[in-house]
Full PDB file with SEQRES, HELIX, SHEET, SSBOND, CRYST1, ORIGX, SCALE, CONECT and MASTER records, all heavy atoms in Angstrom:
SEQRES   1 A   39  LEU GLU LEU GLY LYS MET ASN PRO GLY GLU PHE ARG PHE          
SEQRES   2 A   39  LEU SER GLN GLU GLU VAL ALA LYS LEU ILE ARG GLN ALA          
SEQRES   3 A   39  LYS LYS PRO ALA ALA VAL LYS THR VAL THR PRO HIS ASP          
HELIX    1 AA1 GLN A   16  LYS A   27  1                                  12    
CRYST1    1.000    1.000    1.000  90.00  90.00  90.00 P 1           1          
ORIGX1      1.000000  0.000000  0.000000        0.00000                         
ORIGX2      0.000000  1.000000  0.000000        0.00000                         
ORIGX3      0.000000  0.000000  1.000000        0.00000                         
SCALE1      1.000000  0.000000  0.000000        0.00000                         
SCALE2      0.000000  1.000000  0.000000        0.00000                         
SCALE3      0.000000  0.000000  1.000000        0.00000                         
ATOM      1  N   LEU A   1     -60.087 -81.047-176.329  1.00  0.00           N  
ATOM      2  CA  LEU A   1     -60.084 -82.168-175.464  1.00  0.00           C  
ATOM      3  C   LEU A   1     -59.028 -82.037-174.352  1.00  0.00           C  
ATOM      4  O   LEU A   1     -57.853 -82.028-174.596  1.00  0.00           O  
ATOM      5  CB  LEU A   1     -59.773 -83.451-176.305  1.00  0.00           C  
ATOM      6  CG  LEU A   1     -59.833 -84.780-175.568  1.00  0.00           C  
ATOM      7  CD1 LEU A   1     -61.227 -85.029-175.066  1.00  0.00           C  
ATOM      8  CD2 LEU A   1     -59.417 -85.893-176.507  1.00  0.00           C  
ATOM      9  N   GLU A   2     -59.521 -81.830-173.126  1.00  0.00           N  
ATOM     10  CA  GLU A   2     -58.663 -81.727-171.961  1.00  0.00           C  
ATOM     11  C   GLU A   2     -58.168 -83.130-171.537  1.00  0.00           C  
ATOM     12  O   GLU A   2     -58.981 -84.027-171.447  1.00  0.00           O  
ATOM     13  CB  GLU A   2     -59.399 -81.078-170.774  1.00  0.00           C  
ATOM     14  CG  GLU A   2     -59.826 -79.649-171.019  1.00  0.00           C  
ATOM     15  CD  GLU A   2     -58.667 -78.673-170.818  1.00  0.00           C  
ATOM     16  OE1 GLU A   2     -57.683 -79.008-170.125  1.00  0.00           O  
ATOM     17  OE2 GLU A   2     -58.757 -77.570-171.372  1.00  0.00           O  
ATOM     18  N   LEU A   3     -56.873 -83.264-171.340  1.00  0.00           N  
ATOM     19  CA  LEU A   3     -56.321 -84.565-171.014  1.00  0.00           C  
ATOM     20  C   LEU A   3     -56.479 -84.923-169.519  1.00  0.00           C  
ATOM     21  O   LEU A   3     -56.495 -86.074-169.158  1.00  0.00           O  
ATOM     22  CB  LEU A   3     -54.864 -84.668-171.463  1.00  0.00           C  
ATOM     23  CG  LEU A   3     -54.677 -84.494-172.970  1.00  0.00           C  
ATOM     24  CD1 LEU A   3     -53.226 -84.578-173.332  1.00  0.00           C  
ATOM     25  CD2 LEU A   3     -55.500 -85.501-173.759  1.00  0.00           C  
ATOM     26  N   GLY A   4     -56.528 -83.919-168.671  1.00  0.00           N  
ATOM     27  CA  GLY A   4     -56.720 -84.178-167.253  1.00  0.00           C  
ATOM     28  C   GLY A   4     -55.466 -84.759-166.578  1.00  0.00           C  
ATOM     29  O   GLY A   4     -54.357 -84.559-167.024  1.00  0.00           O  
ATOM     30  N   LYS A   5     -55.699 -85.524-165.567  1.00  0.00           N  
ATOM     31  CA  LYS A   5     -54.643 -86.092-164.730  1.00  0.00           C  
ATOM     32  C   LYS A   5     -54.212 -87.470-165.179  1.00  0.00           C  
ATOM     33  O   LYS A   5     -54.159 -88.402-164.395  1.00  0.00           O  
ATOM     34  CB  LYS A   5     -55.091 -86.173-163.276  1.00  0.00           C  
ATOM     35  CG  LYS A   5     -55.483 -84.853-162.667  1.00  0.00           C  
ATOM     36  CD  LYS A   5     -54.279 -84.133-162.193  1.00  0.00           C  
ATOM     37  CE  LYS A   5     -54.696 -82.845-161.466  1.00  0.00           C  
ATOM     38  NZ  LYS A   5     -53.638 -81.996-161.141  1.00  0.00           N  
ATOM     39  N   MET A   6     -53.886 -87.628-166.459  1.00  0.00           N  
ATOM     40  CA  MET A   6     -53.497 -88.944-166.969  1.00  0.00           C  
ATOM     41  C   MET A   6     -51.999 -89.106-166.845  1.00  0.00           C  
ATOM     42  O   MET A   6     -51.213 -88.198-167.063  1.00  0.00           O  
ATOM     43  CB  MET A   6     -53.969 -89.096-168.428  1.00  0.00           C  
ATOM     44  CG  MET A   6     -55.463 -89.095-168.546  1.00  0.00           C  
ATOM     45  SD  MET A   6     -56.030 -89.154-170.233  1.00  0.00           S  
ATOM     46  CE  MET A   6     -55.337 -90.664-170.765  1.00  0.00           C  
ATOM     47  N   ASN A   7     -51.581 -90.286-166.545  1.00  0.00           N  
ATOM     48  CA  ASN A   7     -50.133 -90.644-166.464  1.00  0.00           C  
ATOM     49  C   ASN A   7     -49.641 -91.072-167.849  1.00  0.00           C  
ATOM     50  O   ASN A   7     -50.438 -91.500-168.695  1.00  0.00           O  
ATOM     51  CB  ASN A   7     -49.940 -91.802-165.461  1.00  0.00           C  
ATOM     52  CG  ASN A   7     -50.223 -91.343-164.058  1.00  0.00           C  
ATOM     53  OD1 ASN A   7     -49.873 -90.268-163.660  1.00  0.00           O  
ATOM     54  ND2 ASN A   7     -50.894 -92.209-163.315  1.00  0.00           N  
ATOM     55  N   PRO A   8     -48.346 -91.010-168.078  1.00  0.00           N  
ATOM     56  CA  PRO A   8     -47.793 -91.451-169.337  1.00  0.00           C  
ATOM     57  C   PRO A   8     -48.196 -92.899-169.629  1.00  0.00           C  
ATOM     58  O   PRO A   8     -48.173 -93.747-168.762  1.00  0.00           O  
ATOM     59  CB  PRO A   8     -46.295 -91.366-169.166  1.00  0.00           C  
ATOM     60  CG  PRO A   8     -46.131 -90.307-168.112  1.00  0.00           C  
ATOM     61  CD  PRO A   8     -47.285 -90.455-167.185  1.00  0.00           C  
ATOM     62  N   GLY A   9     -48.678 -93.154-170.845  1.00  0.00           N  
ATOM     63  CA  GLY A   9     -49.102 -94.498-171.255  1.00  0.00           C  
ATOM     64  C   GLY A   9     -50.546 -94.820-170.914  1.00  0.00           C  
ATOM     65  O   GLY A   9     -51.064 -95.829-171.360  1.00  0.00           O  
ATOM     66  N   GLU A  10     -51.171 -93.984-170.139  1.00  0.00           N  
ATOM     67  CA  GLU A  10     -52.566 -94.200-169.745  1.00  0.00           C  
ATOM     68  C   GLU A  10     -53.490 -93.703-170.846  1.00  0.00           C  
ATOM     69  O   GLU A  10     -53.129 -92.817-171.625  1.00  0.00           O  
ATOM     70  CB  GLU A  10     -52.818 -93.402-168.472  1.00  0.00           C  
ATOM     71  CG  GLU A  10     -53.821 -94.030-167.534  1.00  0.00           C  
ATOM     72  CD  GLU A  10     -53.914 -93.245-166.215  1.00  0.00           C  
ATOM     73  OE1 GLU A  10     -53.326 -92.177-166.081  1.00  0.00           O  
ATOM     74  OE2 GLU A  10     -54.615 -93.738-165.366  1.00  0.00           O  
ATOM     75  N   PHE A  11     -54.709 -94.272-170.879  1.00  0.00           N  
ATOM     76  CA  PHE A  11     -55.675 -93.818-171.860  1.00  0.00           C  
ATOM     77  C   PHE A  11     -57.024 -93.866-171.223  1.00  0.00           C  
ATOM     78  O   PHE A  11     -57.232 -94.442-170.199  1.00  0.00           O  
ATOM     79  CB  PHE A  11     -55.645 -94.663-173.137  1.00  0.00           C  
ATOM     80  CG  PHE A  11     -56.250 -96.035-172.986  1.00  0.00           C  
ATOM     81  CD1 PHE A  11     -57.566 -96.238-173.285  1.00  0.00           C  
ATOM     82  CD2 PHE A  11     -55.494 -97.099-172.487  1.00  0.00           C  
ATOM     83  CE1 PHE A  11     -58.137 -97.497-173.132  1.00  0.00           C  
ATOM     84  CE2 PHE A  11     -56.024 -98.328-172.341  1.00  0.00           C  
ATOM     85  CZ  PHE A  11     -57.376 -98.567-172.663  1.00  0.00           C  
ATOM     86  N   ARG A  12     -57.975 -93.201-171.906  1.00  0.00           N  
ATOM     87  CA  ARG A  12     -59.374 -93.294-171.491  1.00  0.00           C  
ATOM     88  C   ARG A  12     -60.247 -93.251-172.768  1.00  0.00           C  
ATOM     89  O   ARG A  12     -59.792 -92.741-173.794  1.00  0.00           O  
ATOM     90  CB  ARG A  12     -59.758 -92.172-170.532  1.00  0.00           C  
ATOM     91  CG  ARG A  12     -59.760 -90.790-171.162  1.00  0.00           C  
ATOM     92  CD  ARG A  12     -60.314 -89.787-170.163  1.00  0.00           C  
ATOM     93  NE  ARG A  12     -60.358 -88.411-170.681  1.00  0.00           N  
ATOM     94  CZ  ARG A  12     -61.320 -87.918-171.460  1.00  0.00           C  
ATOM     95  NH1 ARG A  12     -62.337 -88.678-171.811  1.00  0.00           N  
ATOM     96  NH2 ARG A  12     -61.260 -86.683-171.868  1.00  0.00           N  
ATOM     97  N   PHE A  13     -61.430 -93.752-172.699  1.00  0.00           N  
ATOM     98  CA  PHE A  13     -62.352 -93.665-173.767  1.00  0.00           C  
ATOM     99  C   PHE A  13     -63.000 -92.310-173.801  1.00  0.00           C  
ATOM    100  O   PHE A  13     -63.236 -91.733-172.766  1.00  0.00           O  
ATOM    101  CB  PHE A  13     -63.411 -94.784-173.684  1.00  0.00           C  
ATOM    102  CG  PHE A  13     -62.859 -96.185-173.848  1.00  0.00           C  
ATOM    103  CD1 PHE A  13     -62.568 -96.971-172.775  1.00  0.00           C  
ATOM    104  CD2 PHE A  13     -62.539 -96.627-175.122  1.00  0.00           C  
ATOM    105  CE1 PHE A  13     -62.021 -98.257-172.940  1.00  0.00           C  
ATOM    106  CE2 PHE A  13     -61.982 -97.911-175.289  1.00  0.00           C  
ATOM    107  CZ  PHE A  13     -61.724 -98.702-174.202  1.00  0.00           C  
ATOM    108  N   LEU A  14     -63.279 -91.810-175.012  1.00  0.00           N  
ATOM    109  CA  LEU A  14     -63.923 -90.517-175.160  1.00  0.00           C  
ATOM    110  C   LEU A  14     -65.444 -90.682-175.046  1.00  0.00           C  
ATOM    111  O   LEU A  14     -65.998 -91.709-175.432  1.00  0.00           O  
ATOM    112  CB  LEU A  14     -63.622 -89.910-176.515  1.00  0.00           C  
ATOM    113  CG  LEU A  14     -62.154 -89.667-176.836  1.00  0.00           C  
ATOM    114  CD1 LEU A  14     -61.991 -89.107-178.237  1.00  0.00           C  
ATOM    115  CD2 LEU A  14     -61.537 -88.746-175.814  1.00  0.00           C  
ATOM    116  N   SER A  15     -66.059 -89.630-174.488  1.00  0.00           N  
ATOM    117  CA  SER A  15     -67.513 -89.649-174.434  1.00  0.00           C  
ATOM    118  C   SER A  15     -68.114 -89.376-175.818  1.00  0.00           C  
ATOM    119  O   SER A  15     -67.382 -88.893-176.687  1.00  0.00           O  
ATOM    120  CB  SER A  15     -68.009 -88.564-173.440  1.00  0.00           C  
ATOM    121  OG  SER A  15     -67.742 -87.299-173.971  1.00  0.00           O  
ATOM    122  N   GLN A  16     -69.365 -89.659-175.993  1.00  0.00           N  
ATOM    123  CA  GLN A  16     -69.999 -89.357-177.283  1.00  0.00           C  
ATOM    124  C   GLN A  16     -69.935 -87.859-177.594  1.00  0.00           C  
ATOM    125  O   GLN A  16     -69.744 -87.474-178.742  1.00  0.00           O  
ATOM    126  CB  GLN A  16     -71.445 -89.841-177.250  1.00  0.00           C  
ATOM    127  CG  GLN A  16     -71.602 -91.349-177.265  1.00  0.00           C  
ATOM    128  CD  GLN A  16     -73.028 -91.777-177.269  1.00  0.00           C  
ATOM    129  OE1 GLN A  16     -73.969 -91.011-177.036  1.00  0.00           O  
ATOM    130  NE2 GLN A  16     -73.255 -93.072-177.517  1.00  0.00           N  
ATOM    131  N   GLU A  17     -70.091 -87.024-176.554  1.00  0.00           N  
ATOM    132  CA  GLU A  17     -70.032 -85.576-176.768  1.00  0.00           C  
ATOM    133  C   GLU A  17     -68.623 -85.139-177.236  1.00  0.00           C  
ATOM    134  O   GLU A  17     -68.484 -84.278-178.133  1.00  0.00           O  
ATOM    135  CB  GLU A  17     -70.376 -84.832-175.494  1.00  0.00           C  
ATOM    136  CG  GLU A  17     -71.849 -85.006-175.052  1.00  0.00           C  
ATOM    137  CD  GLU A  17     -72.055 -86.319-174.277  1.00  0.00           C  
ATOM    138  OE1 GLU A  17     -71.093 -86.854-173.711  1.00  0.00           O  
ATOM    139  OE2 GLU A  17     -73.206 -86.785-174.234  1.00  0.00           O  
ATOM    140  N   GLU A  18     -67.597 -85.722-176.633  1.00  0.00           N  
ATOM    141  CA  GLU A  18     -66.209 -85.382-177.029  1.00  0.00           C  
ATOM    142  C   GLU A  18     -65.916 -85.807-178.482  1.00  0.00           C  
ATOM    143  O   GLU A  18     -65.326 -85.027-179.239  1.00  0.00           O  
ATOM    144  CB  GLU A  18     -65.192 -86.043-176.089  1.00  0.00           C  
ATOM    145  CG  GLU A  18     -65.194 -85.465-174.708  1.00  0.00           C  
ATOM    146  CD  GLU A  18     -64.322 -86.285-173.720  1.00  0.00           C  
ATOM    147  OE1 GLU A  18     -64.295 -87.538-173.850  1.00  0.00           O  
ATOM    148  OE2 GLU A  18     -63.702 -85.697-172.866  1.00  0.00           O  
ATOM    149  N   VAL A  19     -66.398 -86.978-178.850  1.00  0.00           N  
ATOM    150  CA  VAL A  19     -66.197 -87.452-180.226  1.00  0.00           C  
ATOM    151  C   VAL A  19     -66.929 -86.515-181.189  1.00  0.00           C  
ATOM    152  O   VAL A  19     -66.360 -86.105-182.237  1.00  0.00           O  
ATOM    153  CB  VAL A  19     -66.682 -88.911-180.386  1.00  0.00           C  
ATOM    154  CG1 VAL A  19     -66.683 -89.315-181.846  1.00  0.00           C  
ATOM    155  CG2 VAL A  19     -65.829 -89.834-179.552  1.00  0.00           C  
ATOM    156  N   ALA A  20     -68.167 -86.177-180.898  1.00  0.00           N  
ATOM    157  CA  ALA A  20     -68.930 -85.311-181.757  1.00  0.00           C  
ATOM    158  C   ALA A  20     -68.251 -83.935-181.922  1.00  0.00           C  
ATOM    159  O   ALA A  20     -68.199 -83.408-183.038  1.00  0.00           O  
ATOM    160  CB  ALA A  20     -70.362 -85.123-181.207  1.00  0.00           C  
ATOM    161  N   LYS A  21     -67.755 -83.406-180.813  1.00  0.00           N  
ATOM    162  CA  LYS A  21     -67.062 -82.084-180.885  1.00  0.00           C  
ATOM    163  C   LYS A  21     -65.818 -82.159-181.736  1.00  0.00           C  
ATOM    164  O   LYS A  21     -65.543 -81.280-182.539  1.00  0.00           O  
ATOM    165  CB  LYS A  21     -66.763 -81.629-179.455  1.00  0.00           C  
ATOM    166  CG  LYS A  21     -66.364 -80.202-179.395  1.00  0.00           C  
ATOM    167  CD  LYS A  21     -66.278 -79.755-177.924  1.00  0.00           C  
ATOM    168  CE  LYS A  21     -66.036 -78.252-177.863  1.00  0.00           C  
ATOM    169  NZ  LYS A  21     -66.007 -77.788-176.468  1.00  0.00           N  
ATOM    170  N   LEU A  22     -65.030 -83.246-181.585  1.00  0.00           N  
ATOM    171  CA  LEU A  22     -63.813 -83.380-182.391  1.00  0.00           C  
ATOM    172  C   LEU A  22     -64.160 -83.512-183.871  1.00  0.00           C  
ATOM    173  O   LEU A  22     -63.483 -82.967-184.746  1.00  0.00           O  
ATOM    174  CB  LEU A  22     -63.017 -84.586-181.899  1.00  0.00           C  
ATOM    175  CG  LEU A  22     -62.273 -84.419-180.598  1.00  0.00           C  
ATOM    176  CD1 LEU A  22     -61.678 -85.773-180.145  1.00  0.00           C  
ATOM    177  CD2 LEU A  22     -61.226 -83.361-180.686  1.00  0.00           C  
ATOM    178  N   ILE A  23     -65.231 -84.223-184.191  1.00  0.00           N  
ATOM    179  CA  ILE A  23     -65.644 -84.390-185.582  1.00  0.00           C  
ATOM    180  C   ILE A  23     -66.038 -83.058-186.143  1.00  0.00           C  
ATOM    181  O   ILE A  23     -65.682 -82.728-187.268  1.00  0.00           O  
ATOM    182  CB  ILE A  23     -66.793 -85.448-185.704  1.00  0.00           C  
ATOM    183  CG1 ILE A  23     -66.230 -86.844-185.419  1.00  0.00           C  
ATOM    184  CG2 ILE A  23     -67.420 -85.381-187.080  1.00  0.00           C  
ATOM    185  CD1 ILE A  23     -67.272 -87.946-185.301  1.00  0.00           C  
ATOM    186  N   ARG A  24     -66.826 -82.256-185.374  1.00  0.00           N  
ATOM    187  CA  ARG A  24     -67.219 -80.932-185.848  1.00  0.00           C  
ATOM    188  C   ARG A  24     -65.991 -80.050-186.084  1.00  0.00           C  
ATOM    189  O   ARG A  24     -65.943 -79.359-187.096  1.00  0.00           O  
ATOM    190  CB  ARG A  24     -68.155 -80.272-184.817  1.00  0.00           C  
ATOM    191  CG  ARG A  24     -69.554 -80.756-184.843  1.00  0.00           C  
ATOM    192  CD  ARG A  24     -70.512 -79.861-184.091  1.00  0.00           C  
ATOM    193  NE  ARG A  24     -70.089 -79.555-182.727  1.00  0.00           N  
ATOM    194  CZ  ARG A  24     -70.341 -80.304-181.656  1.00  0.00           C  
ATOM    195  NH1 ARG A  24     -71.076 -81.394-181.773  1.00  0.00           N  
ATOM    196  NH2 ARG A  24     -69.927 -79.929-180.454  1.00  0.00           N  
ATOM    197  N   GLN A  25     -65.022 -80.130-185.211  1.00  0.00           N  
ATOM    198  CA  GLN A  25     -63.811 -79.299-185.385  1.00  0.00           C  
ATOM    199  C   GLN A  25     -63.034 -79.734-186.588  1.00  0.00           C  
ATOM    200  O   GLN A  25     -62.471 -78.912-187.315  1.00  0.00           O  
ATOM    201  CB  GLN A  25     -62.937 -79.385-184.132  1.00  0.00           C  
ATOM    202  CG  GLN A  25     -63.483 -78.664-182.948  1.00  0.00           C  
ATOM    203  CD  GLN A  25     -62.650 -78.889-181.690  1.00  0.00           C  
ATOM    204  OE1 GLN A  25     -61.841 -79.780-181.612  1.00  0.00           O  
ATOM    205  NE2 GLN A  25     -62.891 -78.023-180.676  1.00  0.00           N  
ATOM    206  N   ALA A  26     -63.001 -81.044-186.853  1.00  0.00           N  
ATOM    207  CA  ALA A  26     -62.245 -81.531-188.021  1.00  0.00           C  
ATOM    208  C   ALA A  26     -62.882 -81.149-189.307  1.00  0.00           C  
ATOM    209  O   ALA A  26     -62.192 -80.972-190.332  1.00  0.00           O  
ATOM    210  CB  ALA A  26     -62.137 -83.056-187.927  1.00  0.00           C  
ATOM    211  N   LYS A  27     -64.197 -80.920-189.336  1.00  0.00           N  
ATOM    212  CA  LYS A  27     -64.901 -80.592-190.553  1.00  0.00           C  
ATOM    213  C   LYS A  27     -64.861 -79.096-190.833  1.00  0.00           C  
ATOM    214  O   LYS A  27     -65.167 -78.650-191.963  1.00  0.00           O  
ATOM    215  CB  LYS A  27     -66.380 -81.022-190.457  1.00  0.00           C  
ATOM    216  CG  LYS A  27     -66.544 -82.518-190.539  1.00  0.00           C  
ATOM    217  CD  LYS A  27     -67.995 -82.900-190.519  1.00  0.00           C  
ATOM    218  CE  LYS A  27     -68.171 -84.385-190.633  1.00  0.00           C  
ATOM    219  NZ  LYS A  27     -69.556 -84.818-190.584  1.00  0.00           N  
ATOM    220  N   LYS A  28     -64.479 -78.252-189.845  1.00  0.00           N  
ATOM    221  CA  LYS A  28     -64.389 -76.793-190.066  1.00  0.00           C  
ATOM    222  C   LYS A  28     -63.326 -76.513-191.105  1.00  0.00           C  
ATOM    223  O   LYS A  28     -62.203 -77.073-191.013  1.00  0.00           O  
ATOM    224  CB  LYS A  28     -64.034 -76.078-188.781  1.00  0.00           C  
ATOM    225  CG  LYS A  28     -65.179 -75.938-187.817  1.00  0.00           C  
ATOM    226  CD  LYS A  28     -64.739 -75.121-186.632  1.00  0.00           C  
ATOM    227  CE  LYS A  28     -65.814 -74.990-185.569  1.00  0.00           C  
ATOM    228  NZ  LYS A  28     -65.341 -74.224-184.410  1.00  0.00           N  
ATOM    229  N   PRO A  29     -63.600 -75.643-192.036  1.00  0.00           N  
ATOM    230  CA  PRO A  29     -62.553 -75.293-192.985  1.00  0.00           C  
ATOM    231  C   PRO A  29     -61.439 -74.505-192.289  1.00  0.00           C  
ATOM    232  O   PRO A  29     -61.696 -73.683-191.416  1.00  0.00           O  
ATOM    233  CB  PRO A  29     -63.257 -74.404-194.009  1.00  0.00           C  
ATOM    234  CG  PRO A  29     -64.514 -73.956-193.353  1.00  0.00           C  
ATOM    235  CD  PRO A  29     -64.857 -74.974-192.303  1.00  0.00           C  
ATOM    236  N   ALA A  30     -60.231 -74.815-192.641  1.00  0.00           N  
ATOM    237  CA  ALA A  30     -59.073 -74.161-192.040  1.00  0.00           C  
ATOM    238  C   ALA A  30     -58.990 -72.721-192.519  1.00  0.00           C  
ATOM    239  O   ALA A  30     -59.287 -72.421-193.668  1.00  0.00           O  
ATOM    240  CB  ALA A  30     -57.798 -74.887-192.361  1.00  0.00           C  
ATOM    241  N   ALA A  31     -58.664 -71.833-191.589  1.00  0.00           N  
ATOM    242  CA  ALA A  31     -58.475 -70.416-192.036  1.00  0.00           C  
ATOM    243  C   ALA A  31     -57.222 -70.317-192.850  1.00  0.00           C  
ATOM    244  O   ALA A  31     -56.167 -70.847-192.500  1.00  0.00           O  
ATOM    245  CB  ALA A  31     -58.332 -69.555-190.754  1.00  0.00           C  
ATOM    246  N   VAL A  32     -57.352 -69.681-193.986  1.00  0.00           N  
ATOM    247  CA  VAL A  32     -56.199 -69.522-194.881  1.00  0.00           C  
ATOM    248  C   VAL A  32     -55.695 -68.097-194.768  1.00  0.00           C  
ATOM    249  O   VAL A  32     -56.485 -67.169-194.898  1.00  0.00           O  
ATOM    250  CB  VAL A  32     -56.610 -69.850-196.326  1.00  0.00           C  
ATOM    251  CG1 VAL A  32     -55.444 -69.619-197.270  1.00  0.00           C  
ATOM    252  CG2 VAL A  32     -57.115 -71.276-196.411  1.00  0.00           C  
ATOM    253  N   LYS A  33     -54.427 -67.968-194.545  1.00  0.00           N  
ATOM    254  CA  LYS A  33     -53.803 -66.647-194.425  1.00  0.00           C  
ATOM    255  C   LYS A  33     -52.696 -66.546-195.468  1.00  0.00           C  
ATOM    256  O   LYS A  33     -51.788 -67.368-195.462  1.00  0.00           O  
ATOM    257  CB  LYS A  33     -53.239 -66.488-193.009  1.00  0.00           C  
ATOM    258  CG  LYS A  33     -52.760 -65.086-192.710  1.00  0.00           C  
ATOM    259  CD  LYS A  33     -52.296 -65.023-191.299  1.00  0.00           C  
ATOM    260  CE  LYS A  33     -51.923 -63.610-190.928  1.00  0.00           C  
ATOM    261  NZ  LYS A  33     -51.506 -63.516-189.527  1.00  0.00           N  
ATOM    262  N   THR A  34     -52.809 -65.607-196.361  1.00  0.00           N  
ATOM    263  CA  THR A  34     -51.789 -65.466-197.395  1.00  0.00           C  
ATOM    264  C   THR A  34     -50.765 -64.451-196.898  1.00  0.00           C  
ATOM    265  O   THR A  34     -51.138 -63.330-196.530  1.00  0.00           O  
ATOM    266  CB  THR A  34     -52.448 -64.959-198.713  1.00  0.00           C  
ATOM    267  OG1 THR A  34     -53.472 -65.860-199.084  1.00  0.00           O  
ATOM    268  CG2 THR A  34     -51.387 -64.821-199.811  1.00  0.00           C  
ATOM    269  N   VAL A  35     -49.541 -64.863-196.921  1.00  0.00           N  
ATOM    270  CA  VAL A  35     -48.445 -64.004-196.486  1.00  0.00           C  
ATOM    271  C   VAL A  35     -47.514 -63.819-197.652  1.00  0.00           C  
ATOM    272  O   VAL A  35     -47.082 -64.786-198.264  1.00  0.00           O  
ATOM    273  CB  VAL A  35     -47.680 -64.618-195.291  1.00  0.00           C  
ATOM    274  CG1 VAL A  35     -46.533 -63.741-194.890  1.00  0.00           C  
ATOM    275  CG2 VAL A  35     -48.646 -64.833-194.139  1.00  0.00           C  
ATOM    276  N   THR A  36     -47.244 -62.568-197.995  1.00  0.00           N  
ATOM    277  CA  THR A  36     -46.283 -62.281-199.041  1.00  0.00           C  
ATOM    278  C   THR A  36     -44.962 -61.928-198.379  1.00  0.00           C  
ATOM    279  O   THR A  36     -44.882 -60.972-197.614  1.00  0.00           O  
ATOM    280  CB  THR A  36     -46.777 -61.096-199.875  1.00  0.00           C  
ATOM    281  OG1 THR A  36     -48.081 -61.397-200.377  1.00  0.00           O  
ATOM    282  CG2 THR A  36     -45.833 -60.835-201.055  1.00  0.00           C  
ATOM    283  N   PRO A  37     -43.916 -62.686-198.655  1.00  0.00           N  
ATOM    284  CA  PRO A  37     -42.620 -62.371-198.033  1.00  0.00           C  
ATOM    285  C   PRO A  37     -42.075 -61.054-198.532  1.00  0.00           C  
ATOM    286  O   PRO A  37     -42.236 -60.675-199.703  1.00  0.00           O  
ATOM    287  CB  PRO A  37     -41.725 -63.544-198.450  1.00  0.00           C  
ATOM    288  CG  PRO A  37     -42.408 -64.196-199.568  1.00  0.00           C  
ATOM    289  CD  PRO A  37     -43.865 -63.853-199.524  1.00  0.00           C  
ATOM    290  N   HIS A  38     -41.450 -60.325-197.645  1.00  0.00           N  
ATOM    291  CA  HIS A  38     -40.816 -59.050-198.010  1.00  0.00           C  
ATOM    292  C   HIS A  38     -39.487 -59.327-198.623  1.00  0.00           C  
ATOM    293  O   HIS A  38     -38.653 -60.039-198.067  1.00  0.00           O  
ATOM    294  CB  HIS A  38     -40.653 -58.171-196.740  1.00  0.00           C  
ATOM    295  CG  HIS A  38     -39.909 -56.915-197.023  1.00  0.00           C  
ATOM    296  ND1 HIS A  38     -40.478 -55.906-197.768  1.00  0.00           N  
ATOM    297  CD2 HIS A  38     -38.695 -56.490-196.666  1.00  0.00           C  
ATOM    298  CE1 HIS A  38     -39.620 -54.915-197.862  1.00  0.00           C  
ATOM    299  NE2 HIS A  38     -38.528 -55.228-197.205  1.00  0.00           N  
ATOM    300  N   ASP A  39     -39.258 -58.789-199.778  1.00  0.00           N  
ATOM    301  CA  ASP A  39     -37.961 -58.934-200.490  1.00  0.00           C  
ATOM    302  C   ASP A  39     -37.281 -57.585-200.575  1.00  0.00           C  
ATOM    303  O   ASP A  39     -37.736 -56.692-201.310  1.00  0.00           O  
ATOM    304  CB  ASP A  39     -38.200 -59.521-201.855  1.00  0.00           C  
ATOM    305  CG  ASP A  39     -36.896 -59.893-202.567  1.00  0.00           C  
ATOM    306  OD1 ASP A  39     -35.824 -59.509-202.071  1.00  0.00           O  
ATOM    307  OD2 ASP A  39     -36.953 -60.535-203.637  1.00  0.00           O  
TER     308      ASP A  39                                                      
MASTER        0    0    0    1    0    0    0    6  307    1    0    3          
END                                                                             
């Protein structure tokens, strides 16, 4: 979601396409990366 030229405190309503895209992104499983610390 690009914020564009909004001033502090300003808001705008999201389009249906933007809402759908955010919902799809939220449902994606997070990539899990296992890191073993070097001791």
